[in-house]
Amino acid sequence: MSQYVPRRGSYGIDAPYAFAFISFLALLELALAIFAAVTSGHFRLFSAAFFVFTVAAIYLHFTLRGKFLIWAELLDRLNLRGDERILDMGCGRGAVLLMAAQRLTTGRAVGVDLWRSFDQSGNSAIHNLPRSARAKAIDEAVRVLRRGGRLMIVDVRGTGEHQEQLIRLGMLDVSRRRPGWHQWWGRLLGVLQATKPANGN
């Protein structure tokens, strides 16, 4: 497993509105627990408040640290030579893009994205697109990929559909798995990998 390297800069919070909602629920549960304790002497609601606060803390841990641990491991498994050309589609603020670029010597890393404020505090990726647009994004990724090049998609949904699409497009060694057996939060993600044939039209 790769050693965690603290990231410099601000890369946003994944799905900030979801985190805000969970935090609101946690505060609401705490307020209700305090009210119940003061008015009726019941302390049972504190366990519910503790649970929601725990969920919020885990969420924050994943978005600020956990995802970097997972990505470090995934990038290490690519065994990059250092001279590759990398394209990060849906790069957001560049967190993964910079991690990939640090593994290059003479290579080059480029990122593209749609800039929106709804997800990850100001950026978006493949799963933020409508289903039809996601399919087109995969088509485009395969089109620009050089012969013999490798494609990796990491997402919380849609990797099953993307896997079928890549097979139809003639990609080789198409595989899908879950990362991070040692990191339970990684089980929420799907990792899809494929290789473009070295020969052909």
C-alpha atoms as a PDB file:
ATOM      1  CA  MET A   1       0.000   0.000   0.000  1.00  0.00           C
ATOM      2  CA  SER A   2       1.261   3.476  -0.868  1.00  0.00           C
ATOM      3  CA  GLN A   3       2.272   5.764   1.937  1.00  0.00           C
ATOM      4  CA  TYR A   4      -0.178   8.614   2.312  1.00  0.00           C
ATOM      5  CA  VAL A   5       1.253  11.957   1.253  1.00  0.00           C
ATOM      6  CA  PRO A   6      -0.706  14.988   2.545  1.00  0.00           C
ATOM      7  CA  ARG A   7      -2.112  16.950  -0.369  1.00  0.00           C
ATOM      8  CA  ARG A   8      -1.403  20.635  -0.765  1.00  0.00           C
ATOM      9  CA  GLY A   9      -4.165  22.932  -1.908  1.00  0.00           C
ATOM     10  CA  SER A  10      -7.939  22.689  -1.667  1.00  0.00           C
ATOM     11  CA  TYR A  11      -9.657  20.001  -3.722  1.00  0.00           C
ATOM     12  CA  GLY A  12     -13.174  20.449  -2.414  1.00  0.00           C
ATOM     13  CA  ILE A  13     -15.598  18.112  -0.688  1.00  0.00           C
ATOM     14  CA  ASP A  14     -17.284  15.345  -2.662  1.00  0.00           C
ATOM     15  CA  ALA A  15     -21.012  16.027  -3.034  1.00  0.00           C
ATOM     16  CA  PRO A  16     -20.949  19.039  -0.659  1.00  0.00           C
ATOM     17  CA  TYR A  17     -24.753  19.270  -0.553  1.00  0.00           C
ATOM     18  CA  ALA A  18     -24.980  15.685   0.672  1.00  0.00           C
ATOM     19  CA  PHE A  19     -22.439  16.426   3.387  1.00  0.00           C
ATOM     20  CA  ALA A  20     -24.336  19.582   4.359  1.00  0.00           C
ATOM     21  CA  PHE A  21     -27.548  17.550   4.625  1.00  0.00           C
ATOM     22  CA  ILE A  22     -25.903  14.892   6.808  1.00  0.00           C
ATOM     23  CA  SER A  23     -24.437  17.608   9.031  1.00  0.00           C
ATOM     24  CA  PHE A  24     -27.852  19.247   9.336  1.00  0.00           C
ATOM     25  CA  LEU A  25     -29.384  15.920  10.372  1.00  0.00           C
ATOM     26  CA  ALA A  26     -26.647  15.426  12.951  1.00  0.00           C
ATOM     27  CA  LEU A  27     -27.293  18.832  14.509  1.00  0.00           C
ATOM     28  CA  LEU A  28     -31.041  18.246  14.414  1.00  0.00           C
ATOM     29  CA  GLU A  29     -30.653  14.882  16.153  1.00  0.00           C
ATOM     30  CA  LEU A  30     -28.450  16.492  18.791  1.00  0.00           C
ATOM     31  CA  ALA A  31     -30.964  19.285  19.396  1.00  0.00           C
ATOM     32  CA  LEU A  32     -33.787  16.751  19.732  1.00  0.00           C
ATOM     33  CA  ALA A  33     -31.696  14.644  22.093  1.00  0.00           C
ATOM     34  CA  ILE A  34     -30.944  17.635  24.318  1.00  0.00           C
ATOM     35  CA  PHE A  35     -34.591  18.690  24.282  1.00  0.00           C
ATOM     36  CA  ALA A  36     -35.738  15.172  25.224  1.00  0.00           C
ATOM     37  CA  ALA A  37     -33.159  14.974  28.008  1.00  0.00           C
ATOM     38  CA  VAL A  38     -34.150  18.341  29.478  1.00  0.00           C
ATOM     39  CA  THR A  39     -37.926  17.934  29.217  1.00  0.00           C
ATOM     40  CA  SER A  40     -38.433  14.240  29.978  1.00  0.00           C
ATOM     41  CA  GLY A  41     -35.144  12.903  31.227  1.00  0.00           C
ATOM     42  CA  HIS A  42     -34.778  10.488  28.277  1.00  0.00           C
ATOM     43  CA  PHE A  43     -31.300  10.104  26.864  1.00  0.00           C
ATOM     44  CA  ARG A  44     -31.974   7.503  24.167  1.00  0.00           C
ATOM     45  CA  LEU A  45     -31.857  10.037  21.303  1.00  0.00           C
ATOM     46  CA  PHE A  46     -28.210  10.749  22.006  1.00  0.00           C
ATOM     47  CA  SER A  47     -27.314   7.396  20.435  1.00  0.00           C
ATOM     48  CA  ALA A  48     -29.053   8.429  17.195  1.00  0.00           C
ATOM     49  CA  ALA A  49     -27.235  11.776  17.240  1.00  0.00           C
ATOM     50  CA  PHE A  50     -23.916  10.002  17.817  1.00  0.00           C
ATOM     51  CA  PHE A  51     -24.595   7.687  14.880  1.00  0.00           C
ATOM     52  CA  VAL A  52     -25.320  10.554  12.459  1.00  0.00           C
ATOM     53  CA  PHE A  53     -22.255  12.492  13.658  1.00  0.00           C
ATOM     54  CA  THR A  54     -20.186   9.346  13.052  1.00  0.00           C
ATOM     55  CA  VAL A  55     -21.526   9.083   9.493  1.00  0.00           C
ATOM     56  CA  ALA A  56     -20.639  12.731   8.888  1.00  0.00           C
ATOM     57  CA  ALA A  57     -17.126  12.215  10.262  1.00  0.00           C
ATOM     58  CA  ILE A  58     -16.554   9.147   8.072  1.00  0.00           C
ATOM     59  CA  TYR A  59     -17.840  11.048   5.039  1.00  0.00           C
ATOM     60  CA  LEU A  60     -15.455  13.906   5.737  1.00  0.00           C
ATOM     61  CA  HIS A  61     -12.544  11.533   6.294  1.00  0.00           C
ATOM     62  CA  PHE A  62     -13.125   9.831   2.939  1.00  0.00           C
ATOM     63  CA  THR A  63     -13.396  13.045   0.950  1.00  0.00           C
ATOM     64  CA  LEU A  64     -10.364  14.697   2.582  1.00  0.00           C
ATOM     65  CA  ARG A  65      -8.017  11.712   3.018  1.00  0.00           C
ATOM     66  CA  GLY A  66      -9.456   8.304   2.179  1.00  0.00           C
ATOM     67  CA  LYS A  67      -9.917   8.847  -1.545  1.00  0.00           C
ATOM     68  CA  PHE A  68      -6.258   9.874  -1.868  1.00  0.00           C
ATOM     69  CA  LEU A  69      -5.176   6.590  -0.262  1.00  0.00           C
ATOM     70  CA  ILE A  70      -7.290   4.654  -2.749  1.00  0.00           C
ATOM     71  CA  TRP A  71      -6.065   6.643  -5.744  1.00  0.00           C
ATOM     72  CA  ALA A  72      -2.441   6.280  -4.684  1.00  0.00           C
ATOM     73  CA  GLU A  73      -2.872   2.510  -4.663  1.00  0.00           C
ATOM     74  CA  LEU A  74      -4.686   2.475  -8.012  1.00  0.00           C
ATOM     75  CA  LEU A  75      -2.036   4.624  -9.680  1.00  0.00           C
ATOM     76  CA  ASP A  76       0.750   2.470  -8.234  1.00  0.00           C
ATOM     77  CA  ARG A  77      -0.871  -0.612  -9.754  1.00  0.00           C
ATOM     78  CA  LEU A  78      -0.601   0.950 -13.219  1.00  0.00           C
ATOM     79  CA  ASN A  79       3.201   0.573 -12.998  1.00  0.00           C
ATOM     80  CA  LEU A  80       3.759   3.708 -15.048  1.00  0.00           C
ATOM     81  CA  ARG A  81       7.122   3.996 -16.803  1.00  0.00           C
ATOM     82  CA  GLY A  82       7.110   7.779 -16.523  1.00  0.00           C
ATOM     83  CA  ASP A  83       6.918   8.636 -20.219  1.00  0.00           C
ATOM     84  CA  GLU A  84       3.172   8.150 -20.617  1.00  0.00           C
ATOM     85  CA  ARG A  85       0.657  10.716 -21.791  1.00  0.00           C
ATOM     86  CA  ILE A  86      -2.271  10.793 -19.359  1.00  0.00           C
ATOM     87  CA  LEU A  87      -5.702  12.298 -19.899  1.00  0.00           C
ATOM     88  CA  ASP A  88      -7.918  12.758 -16.833  1.00  0.00           C
ATOM     89  CA  MET A  89     -11.526  13.198 -17.981  1.00  0.00           C
ATOM     90  CA  GLY A  90     -13.516  14.746 -15.158  1.00  0.00           C
ATOM     91  CA  CYS A  91     -10.404  15.995 -13.370  1.00  0.00           C
ATOM     92  CA  GLY A  92     -12.236  18.453 -11.132  1.00  0.00           C
ATOM     93  CA  ARG A  93      -9.721  20.575  -9.264  1.00  0.00           C
ATOM     94  CA  GLY A  94      -6.903  18.279 -10.304  1.00  0.00           C
ATOM     95  CA  ALA A  95      -6.315  16.120  -7.225  1.00  0.00           C
ATOM     96  CA  VAL A  96      -5.909  12.820  -9.094  1.00  0.00           C
ATOM     97  CA  LEU A  97      -4.382  14.555 -12.108  1.00  0.00           C
ATOM     98  CA  LEU A  98      -1.535  15.902  -9.951  1.00  0.00           C
ATOM     99  CA  MET A  99      -1.024  12.524  -8.276  1.00  0.00           C
ATOM    100  CA  ALA A 100      -0.662  10.952 -11.723  1.00  0.00           C
ATOM    101  CA  ALA A 101       1.638  13.737 -12.943  1.00  0.00           C
ATOM    102  CA  GLN A 102       3.970  13.161  -9.977  1.00  0.00           C
ATOM    103  CA  ARG A 103       4.576   9.649 -11.300  1.00  0.00           C
ATOM    104  CA  LEU A 104       5.782  10.940 -14.671  1.00  0.00           C
ATOM    105  CA  THR A 105       9.276  11.997 -15.713  1.00  0.00           C
ATOM    106  CA  THR A 106       9.189  12.829 -19.411  1.00  0.00           C
ATOM    107  CA  GLY A 107       5.471  12.181 -19.830  1.00  0.00           C
ATOM    108  CA  ARG A 108       2.571  14.607 -19.780  1.00  0.00           C
ATOM    109  CA  ALA A 109      -0.706  14.758 -17.848  1.00  0.00           C
ATOM    110  CA  VAL A 110      -3.714  16.774 -19.048  1.00  0.00           C
ATOM    111  CA  GLY A 111      -7.119  17.192 -17.418  1.00  0.00           C
ATOM    112  CA  VAL A 112     -10.516  18.266 -18.759  1.00  0.00           C
ATOM    113  CA  ASP A 113     -13.780  18.876 -16.937  1.00  0.00           C
ATOM    114  CA  LEU A 114     -17.144  20.574 -16.862  1.00  0.00           C
ATOM    115  CA  TRP A 115     -16.980  23.349 -14.288  1.00  0.00           C
ATOM    116  CA  ARG A 116     -20.045  23.339 -12.064  1.00  0.00           C
ATOM    117  CA  SER A 117     -20.616  24.098  -8.398  1.00  0.00           C
ATOM    118  CA  PHE A 118     -23.020  21.250  -7.604  1.00  0.00           C
ATOM    119  CA  ASP A 119     -20.559  18.444  -6.973  1.00  0.00           C
ATOM    120  CA  GLN A 120     -17.222  18.330  -5.165  1.00  0.00           C
ATOM    121  CA  SER A 121     -17.308  22.002  -4.297  1.00  0.00           C
ATOM    122  CA  GLY A 122     -17.008  23.208  -7.842  1.00  0.00           C
ATOM    123  CA  ASN A 123     -16.362  20.430 -10.327  1.00  0.00           C
ATOM    124  CA  SER A 124     -17.900  17.355 -11.903  1.00  0.00           C
ATOM    125  CA  ALA A 125     -16.964  14.045 -13.505  1.00  0.00           C
ATOM    126  CA  ILE A 126     -18.438  11.236 -15.660  1.00  0.00           C
ATOM    127  CA  HIS A 127     -21.128  10.200 -13.150  1.00  0.00           C
ATOM    128  CA  ASN A 128     -22.442  13.783 -13.047  1.00  0.00           C
ATOM    129  CA  LEU A 129     -23.489  13.571 -16.688  1.00  0.00           C
ATOM    130  CA  PRO A 130     -26.852  12.247 -17.922  1.00  0.00           C
ATOM    131  CA  ARG A 131     -26.760   8.589 -18.959  1.00  0.00           C
ATOM    132  CA  SER A 132     -26.671   9.348 -22.692  1.00  0.00           C
ATOM    133  CA  ALA A 133     -23.873  11.873 -22.183  1.00  0.00           C
ATOM    134  CA  ARG A 134     -21.889   9.381 -20.087  1.00  0.00           C
ATOM    135  CA  ALA A 135     -22.017   6.898 -22.954  1.00  0.00           C
ATOM    136  CA  LYS A 136     -20.748   9.566 -25.352  1.00  0.00           C
ATOM    137  CA  ALA A 137     -17.951  10.440 -22.920  1.00  0.00           C
ATOM    138  CA  ILE A 138     -16.839   6.801 -22.877  1.00  0.00           C
ATOM    139  CA  ASP A 139     -16.955   6.696 -26.682  1.00  0.00           C
ATOM    140  CA  GLU A 140     -14.780   9.789 -26.817  1.00  0.00           C
ATOM    141  CA  ALA A 141     -12.341   8.398 -24.254  1.00  0.00           C
ATOM    142  CA  VAL A 142     -11.874   5.269 -26.374  1.00  0.00           C
ATOM    143  CA  ARG A 143     -11.538   7.361 -29.550  1.00  0.00           C
ATOM    144  CA  VAL A 144      -8.711   9.543 -28.243  1.00  0.00           C
ATOM    145  CA  LEU A 145      -6.917   6.672 -26.514  1.00  0.00           C
ATOM    146  CA  ARG A 146      -3.827   5.611 -28.444  1.00  0.00           C
ATOM    147  CA  ARG A 147      -3.456   2.049 -29.731  1.00  0.00           C
ATOM    148  CA  GLY A 148      -2.334  -0.170 -26.874  1.00  0.00           C
ATOM    149  CA  GLY A 149      -3.296   2.532 -24.364  1.00  0.00           C
ATOM    150  CA  ARG A 150      -5.052   1.769 -21.096  1.00  0.00           C
ATOM    151  CA  LEU A 151      -8.317   3.185 -19.782  1.00  0.00           C
ATOM    152  CA  MET A 152      -9.328   3.342 -16.120  1.00  0.00           C
ATOM    153  CA  ILE A 153     -12.716   4.464 -14.825  1.00  0.00           C
ATOM    154  CA  VAL A 154     -13.344   4.839 -11.091  1.00  0.00           C
ATOM    155  CA  ASP A 155     -16.881   5.709 -10.054  1.00  0.00           C
ATOM    156  CA  VAL A 156     -19.585   4.995  -7.508  1.00  0.00           C
ATOM    157  CA  ARG A 157     -22.039   3.917 -10.206  1.00  0.00           C
ATOM    158  CA  GLY A 158     -22.347   2.957 -13.839  1.00  0.00           C
ATOM    159  CA  THR A 159     -19.218   0.817 -14.148  1.00  0.00           C
ATOM    160  CA  GLY A 160     -21.309  -2.216 -15.091  1.00  0.00           C
ATOM    161  CA  GLU A 161     -22.856  -0.350 -18.032  1.00  0.00           C
ATOM    162  CA  HIS A 162     -19.478   1.085 -18.995  1.00  0.00           C
ATOM    163  CA  GLN A 163     -17.996  -2.416 -18.951  1.00  0.00           C
ATOM    164  CA  GLU A 164     -20.564  -3.670 -21.464  1.00  0.00           C
ATOM    165  CA  GLN A 165     -19.987  -0.599 -23.625  1.00  0.00           C
ATOM    166  CA  LEU A 166     -16.221  -1.073 -23.666  1.00  0.00           C
ATOM    167  CA  ILE A 167     -16.626  -4.696 -24.713  1.00  0.00           C
ATOM    168  CA  ARG A 168     -18.907  -3.621 -27.565  1.00  0.00           C
ATOM    169  CA  LEU A 169     -16.290  -1.061 -28.622  1.00  0.00           C
ATOM    170  CA  GLY A 170     -13.726  -3.834 -28.972  1.00  0.00           C
ATOM    171  CA  MET A 171     -11.583  -3.014 -25.960  1.00  0.00           C
ATOM    172  CA  LEU A 172      -9.415  -5.810 -24.574  1.00  0.00           C
ATOM    173  CA  ASP A 173      -8.836  -7.118 -21.043  1.00  0.00           C
ATOM    174  CA  VAL A 174     -11.970  -5.373 -19.770  1.00  0.00           C
ATOM    175  CA  SER A 175     -12.219  -5.966 -16.030  1.00  0.00           C
ATOM    176  CA  ARG A 176     -14.221  -4.517 -13.164  1.00  0.00           C
ATOM    177  CA  ARG A 177     -13.478  -4.783  -9.451  1.00  0.00           C
ATOM    178  CA  ARG A 178     -13.809  -3.058  -6.101  1.00  0.00           C
ATOM    179  CA  PRO A 179     -10.715  -1.431  -4.597  1.00  0.00           C
ATOM    180  CA  GLY A 180      -9.493  -1.338  -1.056  1.00  0.00           C
ATOM    181  CA  TRP A 181     -10.255  -4.600   0.738  1.00  0.00           C
ATOM    182  CA  HIS A 182      -8.219  -3.114   3.586  1.00  0.00           C
ATOM    183  CA  GLN A 183     -10.126   0.170   3.314  1.00  0.00           C
ATOM    184  CA  TRP A 184     -13.823  -0.515   3.680  1.00  0.00           C
ATOM    185  CA  TRP A 185     -14.835   2.842   2.209  1.00  0.00           C
ATOM    186  CA  GLY A 186     -13.227   1.739  -1.041  1.00  0.00           C
ATOM    187  CA  ARG A 187     -15.931  -0.907  -1.384  1.00  0.00           C
ATOM    188  CA  LEU A 188     -18.294   1.880  -2.455  1.00  0.00           C
ATOM    189  CA  LEU A 189     -16.326   2.372  -5.667  1.00  0.00           C
ATOM    190  CA  GLY A 190     -16.090   0.424  -8.901  1.00  0.00           C
ATOM    191  CA  VAL A 191     -12.822   0.268 -10.848  1.00  0.00           C
ATOM    192  CA  LEU A 192     -13.063  -0.508 -14.546  1.00  0.00           C
ATOM    193  CA  GLN A 193      -9.966  -1.097 -16.646  1.00  0.00           C
ATOM    194  CA  ALA A 194      -9.486  -1.901 -20.335  1.00  0.00           C
ATOM    195  CA  THR A 195      -6.851  -1.782 -23.078  1.00  0.00           C
ATOM    196  CA  LYS A 196      -7.271  -0.535 -26.629  1.00  0.00           C
ATOM    197  CA  PRO A 197      -6.128  -3.057 -29.255  1.00  0.00           C
ATOM    198  CA  ALA A 198      -2.664  -2.308 -30.581  1.00  0.00           C
ATOM    199  CA  ASN A 199      -3.752  -3.116 -34.146  1.00  0.00           C
ATOM    200  CA  GLY A 200      -6.911  -2.663 -36.142  1.00  0.00           C
ATOM    201  CA  ASN A 201      -9.048   0.088 -37.623  1.00  0.00           C
END
